[in-house]
Amino acid sequence: MNQTAQPLTKLKIFSLTGVQMRTFHTTWLMFFVCFFGWFGLAPLMPTIRAELHLTKGQVGNTIIASVAATIIARLIIGKLCDTWGPRKTAVRLLLVGCLPVFLVGLAHDYTSFLLFRLAIGVIGASFVITQFHTSMMFAPNIKGTANAVTGGWGNLGGGVTNMLMPVIFAAIVGFGYTKAEAWRYAMIVPGMMMLVMAFLYWRYTKDTPNGNYDEIGYTKANSAKTDWSILGDWRIWALTLAYAMCFGMEITFDNVASLHFVDTFKLSQSSAGFWAGIFGFMNIFARALGGIVSDKVGGKFGMRGKGLLLAGVLLLEGAGLVLFAHSGSLVMAIVSMLTFALFLKMSNGATYGIVPFVNAKNVGLVSGIVGAGGNLGGMMFGFLFKSESITYVQAFTYIGYAVIAVSVIVLITRFQKQPLLLKQVEEPALEASIA
């Protein structure tokens, strides 16, 4: 059999040779662009809040809406990847998802803005495609690392958008437009990026190393009924809680960081966006680091070691969050933010260092449940930040204590590895990490 049509056993990070590596780079870039559009409004919220006269509760509702839609969208996109293939699914999501990104500038009151943020949230499901497609292109021995890298680099879009959108906004104001006009025109940029990405995805990727689904006659190999009995496995819920605490906090922080820096430390919108962007920039290495360390620890200490690692990084994330909440100066806030950001993103990778092994017969379903937990966590945290009686400082503190509590739950949970069946090794789609 042609070796060039097989999943790769090595990650050649700087290579564009072969459909596997072209797909690798195209799919993380696709999620990066979607993340850019998904959170493009977040660093502009100080201006939008003033222009639309939004209350704290209404701002909180828009944050909740931006992550709530993603929960349902991910379940749908996962099914479409299996039937249409990741290539067609990605292109169609980009073409449909760019519409609310382009049109959000038409919002002139709270209700219309809320509905647009809800619609934009659908593009957060692009991460499912990234993880699914990466799993198709890499062999089991490197799949976890490849997924961690594409996930982390895609999430990097949240950092770049926090840094870049205020610059785009300022440039538009510099051309003579009002602030009310500038934030609307600024969203055209991520919309255009999504259109370009749709073309690149169609042009340079294939569904599998062997070709597209319709070229190779692909049909879903596993037609067995969903095994809902796994919902009785506490280990899955422990991982779901863990992912709610790390990825859920990540998307929450991407939404509220700029507002927090403006309100608490009186920074300008541009400066607040820059420091919020530093948080997202940690994804360039931190999530992958969590996955790699988890693999190394697992090789030496087994699943118990993986569980202890996850508990440890969650504990440090929670402590860093509490420290960040009570920072009395901008310097202390930045230092503590970098601390909890490192361990938060490592927790993302460490969680999915365990997920594929807790139930070998239902890897995909377990991945979906845990992944949905991340967005559910983000939605629940949103209620804290919308409360009129809870300050942002209090909200960060409460979440920090919750993360520490979950680290204890993970610590006392005994994870054990189940043998991976040959059929599952040969079924890359089942190992897609829907994070």
Protein backbone atom coordinates (compact mmCIF):
# COMPACT_ATOMS: atom_id res chain seq x y z
CA MET A 1 0.00 0.00 0.00
CA ASN A 2 1.21 3.54 -0.80
CA GLN A 3 2.87 4.86 2.36
CA THR A 4 2.12 8.47 1.39
CA ALA A 5 -1.59 7.68 1.76
CA GLN A 6 -1.23 6.52 5.36
CA PRO A 7 -1.65 8.49 8.61
CA LEU A 8 1.68 10.02 9.63
CA THR A 9 3.60 8.58 12.59
CA LYS A 10 5.68 11.76 13.02
CA LEU A 11 4.65 15.39 13.31
CA LYS A 12 6.85 17.39 10.92
CA ILE A 13 5.79 20.72 12.29
CA PHE A 14 7.48 22.93 9.68
CA SER A 15 6.56 20.83 6.65
CA LEU A 16 3.88 21.41 4.03
CA THR A 17 4.76 18.24 2.13
CA GLY A 18 1.96 15.74 1.68
CA VAL A 19 -1.78 16.05 2.20
CA GLN A 20 -1.40 15.17 5.89
CA MET A 21 0.77 18.17 6.78
CA ARG A 22 -1.10 20.52 4.44
CA THR A 23 -4.30 19.49 6.19
CA PHE A 24 -2.65 19.86 9.61
CA HIS A 25 -1.70 23.48 8.96
CA THR A 26 -4.91 24.36 7.11
CA THR A 27 -7.19 22.96 9.81
CA TRP A 28 -5.53 24.71 12.77
CA LEU A 29 -5.49 27.94 10.77
CA MET A 30 -9.20 27.47 10.03
CA PHE A 31 -9.98 27.23 13.73
CA PHE A 32 -7.67 30.18 14.43
CA VAL A 33 -9.66 32.31 11.99
CA CYS A 34 -12.98 31.12 13.45
CA PHE A 35 -11.75 31.86 16.97
CA PHE A 36 -10.72 35.33 15.72
CA GLY A 37 -14.26 35.93 14.47
CA TRP A 38 -15.87 34.25 17.49
CA PHE A 39 -14.18 36.59 19.99
CA GLY A 40 -13.60 39.57 17.70
CA LEU A 41 -16.19 41.62 19.56
CA ALA A 42 -14.78 40.93 23.03
CA PRO A 43 -11.93 43.51 23.03
CA LEU A 44 -14.30 46.11 21.55
CA MET A 45 -16.92 45.67 24.27
CA PRO A 46 -15.96 48.84 26.18
CA THR A 47 -16.98 50.84 23.08
CA ILE A 48 -19.98 48.65 22.25
CA ARG A 49 -21.23 48.76 25.85
CA ALA A 50 -21.23 52.56 25.79
CA GLU A 51 -22.71 52.87 22.30
CA LEU A 52 -25.57 50.43 22.87
CA HIS A 53 -26.07 51.50 26.52
CA LEU A 54 -25.69 47.94 27.81
CA THR A 55 -26.03 47.14 31.50
CA LYS A 56 -23.68 44.73 33.24
CA GLY A 57 -26.39 42.06 33.12
CA GLN A 58 -26.91 42.56 29.39
CA VAL A 59 -23.17 42.33 28.73
CA GLY A 60 -23.19 39.07 30.71
CA ASN A 61 -26.06 37.74 28.63
CA THR A 62 -24.12 38.38 25.41
CA ILE A 63 -21.15 36.49 26.86
CA ILE A 64 -23.41 33.55 27.75
CA ALA A 65 -24.97 33.61 24.27
CA SER A 66 -21.57 33.56 22.56
CA VAL A 67 -20.64 30.23 24.17
CA ALA A 68 -24.08 28.61 24.60
CA ALA A 69 -24.74 28.19 20.88
CA THR A 70 -21.46 26.32 20.50
CA ILE A 71 -22.61 23.45 22.74
CA ILE A 72 -25.41 22.39 20.38
CA ALA A 73 -23.42 23.29 17.25
CA ARG A 74 -20.59 20.95 18.23
CA LEU A 75 -22.91 17.98 18.47
CA ILE A 76 -24.32 18.70 15.02
CA ILE A 77 -20.93 19.40 13.42
CA GLY A 78 -19.54 16.14 14.81
CA LYS A 79 -22.26 14.18 13.01
CA LEU A 80 -21.75 16.16 9.79
CA CYS A 81 -18.01 15.44 9.83
CA ASP A 82 -18.84 11.75 9.80
CA THR A 83 -21.40 11.98 6.96
CA TRP A 84 -20.15 14.84 4.77
CA GLY A 85 -16.47 14.60 5.70
CA PRO A 86 -14.48 17.31 7.53
CA ARG A 87 -13.59 19.17 4.31
CA LYS A 88 -17.16 19.85 3.17
CA THR A 89 -18.26 20.49 6.75
CA ALA A 90 -15.52 23.09 7.29
CA VAL A 91 -16.21 24.94 4.06
CA ARG A 92 -19.96 25.09 4.68
CA LEU A 93 -19.51 26.20 8.29
CA LEU A 94 -17.16 28.98 7.18
CA LEU A 95 -19.54 30.18 4.48
CA VAL A 96 -22.57 30.17 6.77
CA GLY A 97 -20.69 31.36 9.86
CA CYS A 98 -19.20 34.42 8.18
CA LEU A 99 -22.69 35.89 7.64
CA PRO A 100 -23.41 36.93 11.26
CA VAL A 101 -19.78 38.09 11.58
CA PHE A 102 -20.28 40.43 8.61
CA LEU A 103 -23.78 41.50 9.65
CA VAL A 104 -23.32 42.09 13.40
CA GLY A 105 -22.60 45.71 12.49
CA LEU A 106 -26.31 46.08 11.74
CA ALA A 107 -27.13 45.64 15.45
CA HIS A 108 -28.40 48.87 16.98
CA ASP A 109 -29.89 47.69 20.26
CA TYR A 110 -29.36 45.05 22.94
CA THR A 111 -31.74 42.45 21.48
CA SER A 112 -30.30 42.46 17.95
CA PHE A 113 -26.73 42.43 19.30
CA LEU A 114 -27.57 39.47 21.57
CA LEU A 115 -29.01 37.50 18.65
CA PHE A 116 -25.96 38.18 16.48
CA ARG A 117 -23.59 37.03 19.25
CA LEU A 118 -25.68 33.88 19.60
CA ALA A 119 -25.40 33.22 15.85
CA ILE A 120 -21.66 33.94 15.79
CA GLY A 121 -21.17 31.36 18.56
CA VAL A 122 -21.91 28.59 16.05
CA ILE A 123 -18.45 28.99 14.50
CA GLY A 124 -16.93 27.81 17.78
CA ALA A 125 -17.88 24.32 16.60
CA SER A 126 -15.02 24.58 14.09
CA PHE A 127 -12.78 23.05 16.74
CA VAL A 128 -14.60 19.75 16.31
CA ILE A 129 -13.58 19.77 12.65
CA THR A 130 -9.97 20.57 13.53
CA GLN A 131 -9.68 17.69 16.00
CA PHE A 132 -11.61 15.28 13.77
CA HIS A 133 -9.52 16.12 10.70
CA THR A 134 -6.21 15.96 12.56
CA SER A 135 -7.16 12.52 13.89
CA MET A 136 -7.70 11.35 10.31
CA MET A 137 -4.19 12.39 9.31
CA PHE A 138 -2.06 11.01 12.16
CA ALA A 139 -1.38 7.57 13.61
CA PRO A 140 -2.33 6.75 17.24
CA ASN A 141 1.24 7.17 18.53
CA ILE A 142 1.30 10.88 17.59
CA LYS A 143 -2.41 11.69 17.40
CA GLY A 144 -2.61 13.20 20.90
CA THR A 145 0.32 15.54 20.35
CA ALA A 146 -0.96 16.57 16.90
CA ASN A 147 -4.42 17.30 18.32
CA ALA A 148 -2.92 19.30 21.20
CA VAL A 149 -0.87 21.44 18.81
CA THR A 150 -3.75 22.14 16.41
CA GLY A 151 -6.02 22.87 19.36
CA GLY A 152 -3.57 25.22 21.02
CA TRP A 153 -2.61 27.07 17.85
CA GLY A 154 -6.27 27.43 16.91
CA ASN A 155 -7.08 28.82 20.36
CA LEU A 156 -4.28 31.31 19.76
CA GLY A 157 -6.83 33.20 17.69
CA GLY A 158 -8.40 34.36 20.94
CA GLY A 159 -5.18 36.10 21.90
CA VAL A 160 -4.51 37.62 18.51
CA THR A 161 -8.03 39.02 18.19
CA ASN A 162 -7.74 40.70 21.60
CA MET A 163 -4.53 42.37 20.43
CA LEU A 164 -5.41 43.11 16.81
CA MET A 165 -9.07 44.14 16.81
CA PRO A 166 -8.45 47.30 18.91
CA VAL A 167 -5.68 48.24 16.45
CA ILE A 168 -8.05 47.74 13.49
CA PHE A 169 -10.68 49.75 15.37
CA ALA A 170 -8.22 52.59 16.04
CA ALA A 171 -7.10 52.62 12.39
CA ILE A 172 -10.70 52.97 11.20
CA VAL A 173 -11.27 55.82 13.66
CA GLY A 174 -8.08 57.38 12.28
CA PHE A 175 -9.69 57.48 8.84
CA GLY A 176 -12.38 59.75 10.23
CA TYR A 177 -15.12 57.32 11.22
CA THR A 178 -16.86 57.52 14.58
CA LYS A 179 -16.30 54.89 17.26
CA ALA A 180 -19.87 53.66 16.73
CA GLU A 181 -19.07 53.05 13.06
CA ALA A 182 -15.55 51.72 13.63
CA TRP A 183 -16.43 48.63 15.69
CA ARG A 184 -18.98 47.64 13.05
CA TYR A 185 -16.56 47.99 10.14
CA ALA A 186 -13.82 46.21 12.10
CA MET A 187 -15.85 42.98 12.06
CA ILE A 188 -15.62 42.89 8.26
CA VAL A 189 -11.98 41.81 8.69
CA PRO A 190 -12.64 38.42 10.36
CA GLY A 191 -15.55 37.88 7.97
CA MET A 192 -13.20 38.27 4.99
CA MET A 193 -10.65 36.01 6.65
CA MET A 194 -13.29 33.28 6.94
CA LEU A 195 -14.12 33.54 3.23
CA VAL A 196 -10.43 33.21 2.29
CA MET A 197 -10.13 30.25 4.65
CA ALA A 198 -13.09 28.51 3.00
CA PHE A 199 -11.25 28.64 -0.34
CA LEU A 200 -7.99 27.39 1.17
CA TYR A 201 -9.73 24.53 2.95
CA TRP A 202 -11.47 23.41 -0.23
CA ARG A 203 -8.32 23.75 -2.31
CA TYR A 204 -5.62 22.22 -0.09
CA THR A 205 -7.19 19.53 2.10
CA LYS A 206 -8.61 16.02 1.72
CA ASP A 207 -10.91 14.20 4.12
CA THR A 208 -8.42 11.35 4.61
CA PRO A 209 -4.86 10.58 3.47
CA ASN A 210 -6.46 8.37 0.80
CA GLY A 211 -8.75 11.08 -0.52
CA ASN A 212 -12.16 12.61 0.07
CA TYR A 213 -15.11 10.54 1.29
CA ASP A 214 -16.88 10.59 -2.06
CA GLU A 215 -13.64 9.58 -3.85
CA ILE A 216 -12.90 6.54 -1.70
CA GLY A 217 -16.47 5.39 -1.12
CA TYR A 218 -16.26 6.07 2.62
CA THR A 219 -19.22 5.04 4.76
CA LYS A 220 -19.55 5.16 8.51
CA ALA A 221 -17.93 1.97 9.77
CA ASN A 222 -19.46 1.97 13.22
CA SER A 223 -23.26 1.75 13.07
CA ALA A 224 -23.74 0.37 16.56
CA LYS A 225 -26.19 2.09 18.89
CA THR A 226 -24.84 4.73 21.21
CA ASP A 227 -23.80 3.18 24.52
CA TRP A 228 -25.37 5.59 26.99
CA SER A 229 -24.41 3.29 29.88
CA ILE A 230 -21.09 5.14 30.01
CA LEU A 231 -22.93 8.02 31.67
CA GLY A 232 -22.73 5.97 34.85
CA ASP A 233 -18.92 6.15 34.81
CA TRP A 234 -17.82 8.75 37.35
CA ARG A 235 -14.40 9.17 35.70
CA ILE A 236 -16.09 10.74 32.67
CA TRP A 237 -17.87 13.28 34.82
CA ALA A 238 -14.65 14.07 36.69
CA LEU A 239 -13.00 14.86 33.35
CA THR A 240 -16.05 16.88 32.28
CA LEU A 241 -15.78 18.96 35.45
CA ALA A 242 -12.05 19.38 34.87
CA TYR A 243 -12.56 20.62 31.32
CA ALA A 244 -15.30 22.99 32.47
CA MET A 245 -12.76 24.51 34.87
CA CYS A 246 -9.98 24.96 32.30
CA PHE A 247 -11.44 25.44 28.81
CA GLY A 248 -14.61 26.96 30.28
CA MET A 249 -12.49 29.54 32.10
CA GLU A 250 -10.42 30.15 28.98
CA ILE A 251 -13.35 31.21 26.80
CA THR A 252 -14.82 33.20 29.69
CA PHE A 253 -11.57 35.10 30.19
CA ASP A 254 -11.31 35.79 26.47
CA ASN A 255 -14.73 37.47 26.76
CA VAL A 256 -14.27 39.51 29.95
CA ALA A 257 -10.53 40.28 30.20
CA SER A 258 -10.61 43.56 28.28
CA LEU A 259 -13.55 44.87 30.28
CA HIS A 260 -11.84 43.86 33.52
CA PHE A 261 -8.61 45.67 32.65
CA VAL A 262 -10.52 48.78 31.56
CA ASP A 263 -12.77 48.91 34.62
CA THR A 264 -10.28 47.79 37.29
CA PHE A 265 -6.99 49.30 36.10
CA LYS A 266 -8.38 52.14 33.93
CA LEU A 267 -6.49 51.03 30.84
CA SER A 268 -7.38 52.22 27.36
CA GLN A 269 -9.24 49.80 25.10
CA SER A 270 -6.06 49.16 23.07
CA SER A 271 -3.88 48.50 26.13
CA ALA A 272 -6.52 46.26 27.70
CA GLY A 273 -6.77 44.30 24.46
CA PHE A 274 -3.01 43.85 24.35
CA TRP A 275 -2.79 42.38 27.85
CA ALA A 276 -5.86 40.22 27.29
CA GLY A 277 -4.18 39.02 24.11
CA ILE A 278 -1.10 37.89 26.04
CA PHE A 279 -3.37 35.42 27.84
CA GLY A 280 -4.44 33.88 24.53
CA PHE A 281 -0.89 33.90 23.19
CA MET A 282 0.08 31.32 25.80
CA ASN A 283 -1.69 28.79 23.56
CA ILE A 284 1.26 28.83 21.20
CA PHE A 285 2.91 26.29 23.49
CA ALA A 286 1.03 25.72 26.77
CA ARG A 287 -1.79 23.40 25.66
CA ALA A 288 0.62 21.26 23.66
CA LEU A 289 2.94 21.22 26.68
CA GLY A 290 0.13 19.80 28.82
CA GLY A 291 -0.53 17.01 26.33
CA ILE A 292 3.15 16.18 25.88
CA VAL A 293 3.86 16.10 29.63
CA SER A 294 0.77 13.95 30.16
CA ASP A 295 2.09 11.43 27.62
CA LYS A 296 5.52 11.41 29.27
CA VAL A 297 4.09 11.01 32.78
CA GLY A 298 1.72 8.31 31.54
CA GLY A 299 4.58 6.39 30.02
CA LYS A 300 6.40 6.33 33.37
CA PHE A 301 3.60 6.25 35.96
CA GLY A 302 0.56 5.09 33.98
CA MET A 303 -2.93 6.53 34.21
CA ARG A 304 -2.50 7.31 37.89
CA GLY A 305 0.32 9.64 36.93
CA LYS A 306 -1.82 11.32 34.30
CA GLY A 307 -4.55 11.89 36.88
CA LEU A 308 -2.13 13.35 39.40
CA LEU A 309 -0.71 15.69 36.77
CA LEU A 310 -4.19 16.95 35.85
CA ALA A 311 -5.08 17.48 39.53
CA GLY A 312 -1.82 19.37 40.06
CA VAL A 313 -2.17 21.79 37.15
CA LEU A 314 -5.82 22.44 38.04
CA LEU A 315 -4.80 23.26 41.62
CA LEU A 316 -2.19 25.72 40.37
CA GLU A 317 -4.69 27.23 37.92
CA GLY A 318 -7.17 27.83 40.75
CA ALA A 319 -4.55 29.37 43.03
CA GLY A 320 -3.38 31.64 40.22
CA LEU A 321 -6.97 32.76 39.57
CA VAL A 322 -7.50 33.74 43.20
CA LEU A 323 -4.21 35.63 43.16
CA PHE A 324 -5.23 37.40 39.93
CA ALA A 325 -8.60 38.39 41.40
CA HIS A 326 -6.95 40.14 44.34
CA SER A 327 -4.07 41.76 42.48
CA GLY A 328 -3.67 45.32 43.71
CA SER A 329 -1.60 46.52 40.79
CA LEU A 330 -1.44 45.98 37.05
CA VAL A 331 2.01 44.35 37.32
CA MET A 332 0.73 41.82 39.86
CA ALA A 333 -2.35 41.18 37.74
CA ILE A 334 -0.22 40.44 34.66
CA VAL A 335 2.15 38.13 36.55
CA SER A 336 -0.70 36.17 38.15
CA MET A 337 -2.57 36.06 34.84
CA LEU A 338 0.43 34.50 33.11
CA THR A 339 0.69 31.99 35.96
CA PHE A 340 -2.88 30.77 35.88
CA ALA A 341 -2.92 30.93 32.06
CA LEU A 342 0.01 28.51 31.84
CA PHE A 343 -1.61 25.95 34.12
CA LEU A 344 -5.10 26.47 32.65
CA LYS A 345 -3.91 25.69 29.14
CA MET A 346 -1.78 22.80 30.35
CA SER A 347 -4.93 21.47 32.02
CA ASN A 348 -6.68 21.54 28.63
CA GLY A 349 -3.99 19.33 27.15
CA ALA A 350 -3.72 17.09 30.23
CA THR A 351 -7.48 16.45 30.25
CA TYR A 352 -7.36 15.13 26.70
CA GLY A 353 -4.29 13.13 27.62
CA ILE A 354 -6.69 10.98 29.66
CA VAL A 355 -9.93 11.12 27.64
CA PRO A 356 -9.03 8.57 24.90
CA PHE A 357 -8.25 5.87 27.47
CA VAL A 358 -11.14 5.81 29.94
CA ASN A 359 -13.49 3.85 27.67
CA ALA A 360 -11.89 2.25 24.63
CA LYS A 361 -15.23 1.30 23.05
CA ASN A 362 -16.70 4.80 23.20
CA VAL A 363 -13.80 7.20 22.67
CA GLY A 364 -15.78 9.56 20.45
CA LEU A 365 -18.74 9.79 22.80
CA VAL A 366 -16.54 10.38 25.83
CA SER A 367 -14.67 13.09 23.91
CA GLY A 368 -17.95 14.77 23.02
CA ILE A 369 -19.26 14.75 26.58
CA VAL A 370 -16.04 16.14 28.03
CA GLY A 371 -15.72 18.70 25.25
CA ALA A 372 -19.26 19.95 25.76
CA GLY A 373 -18.39 20.34 29.43
CA GLY A 374 -15.89 23.03 28.49
CA ASN A 375 -18.49 25.22 26.84
CA LEU A 376 -21.03 24.46 29.55
CA GLY A 377 -18.49 25.68 32.11
CA GLY A 378 -18.03 28.87 30.11
CA MET A 379 -21.78 29.40 30.01
CA MET A 380 -22.17 28.87 33.77
CA PHE A 381 -19.29 31.24 34.54
CA GLY A 382 -21.05 33.82 32.39
CA PHE A 383 -23.87 34.00 34.92
CA LEU A 384 -21.38 35.16 37.57
CA PHE A 385 -20.14 37.99 35.37
CA LYS A 386 -23.65 39.19 34.51
CA SER A 387 -24.77 39.42 38.15
CA GLU A 388 -25.40 42.96 39.37
CA SER A 389 -24.51 41.92 42.94
CA ILE A 390 -21.20 40.13 42.15
CA THR A 391 -18.16 42.11 41.03
CA TYR A 392 -15.69 40.78 38.48
CA VAL A 393 -13.15 40.42 41.30
CA GLN A 394 -15.58 38.27 43.29
CA ALA A 395 -16.45 36.22 40.20
CA PHE A 396 -12.78 35.40 39.52
CA THR A 397 -12.35 34.47 43.19
CA TYR A 398 -15.34 32.12 43.24
CA ILE A 399 -14.18 30.42 40.04
CA GLY A 400 -10.68 30.02 41.49
CA TYR A 401 -12.07 28.21 44.53
CA ALA A 402 -14.26 26.05 42.27
CA VAL A 403 -11.20 25.03 40.21
CA ILE A 404 -9.35 24.07 43.40
CA ALA A 405 -12.34 21.98 44.53
CA VAL A 406 -12.44 20.15 41.19
CA SER A 407 -8.69 19.47 41.43
CA VAL A 408 -9.43 17.56 44.63
CA ILE A 409 -12.17 15.57 42.86
CA VAL A 410 -9.72 14.67 40.08
CA LEU A 411 -7.10 13.75 42.69
CA ILE A 412 -9.35 11.14 44.35
CA THR A 413 -10.64 9.77 41.02
CA ARG A 414 -8.84 6.59 40.01
CA PHE A 415 -8.28 6.53 36.28
CA GLN A 416 -7.28 3.29 34.63
CA LYS A 417 -6.44 2.48 31.05
CA GLN A 418 -8.61 0.12 29.04
CA PRO A 419 -7.02 -1.85 26.20
CA LEU A 420 -7.52 -0.27 22.79
CA LEU A 421 -9.06 -2.71 20.33
CA LEU A 422 -7.53 -3.15 16.90
CA LYS A 423 -10.72 -1.98 15.24
CA GLN A 424 -10.58 1.26 17.20
CA VAL A 425 -6.96 1.86 16.30
CA GLU A 426 -7.99 1.62 12.67
CA GLU A 427 -10.94 3.97 13.15
CA PRO A 428 -9.36 7.43 13.36
CA ALA A 429 -12.70 9.23 13.53
CA LEU A 430 -13.53 7.55 16.82
CA GLU A 431 -10.47 9.09 18.43
CA ALA A 432 -11.28 12.64 17.41
CA SER A 433 -11.05 14.83 20.48
CA ILE A 434 -14.03 17.15 20.44
CA ALA A 435 -12.63 19.79 22.73
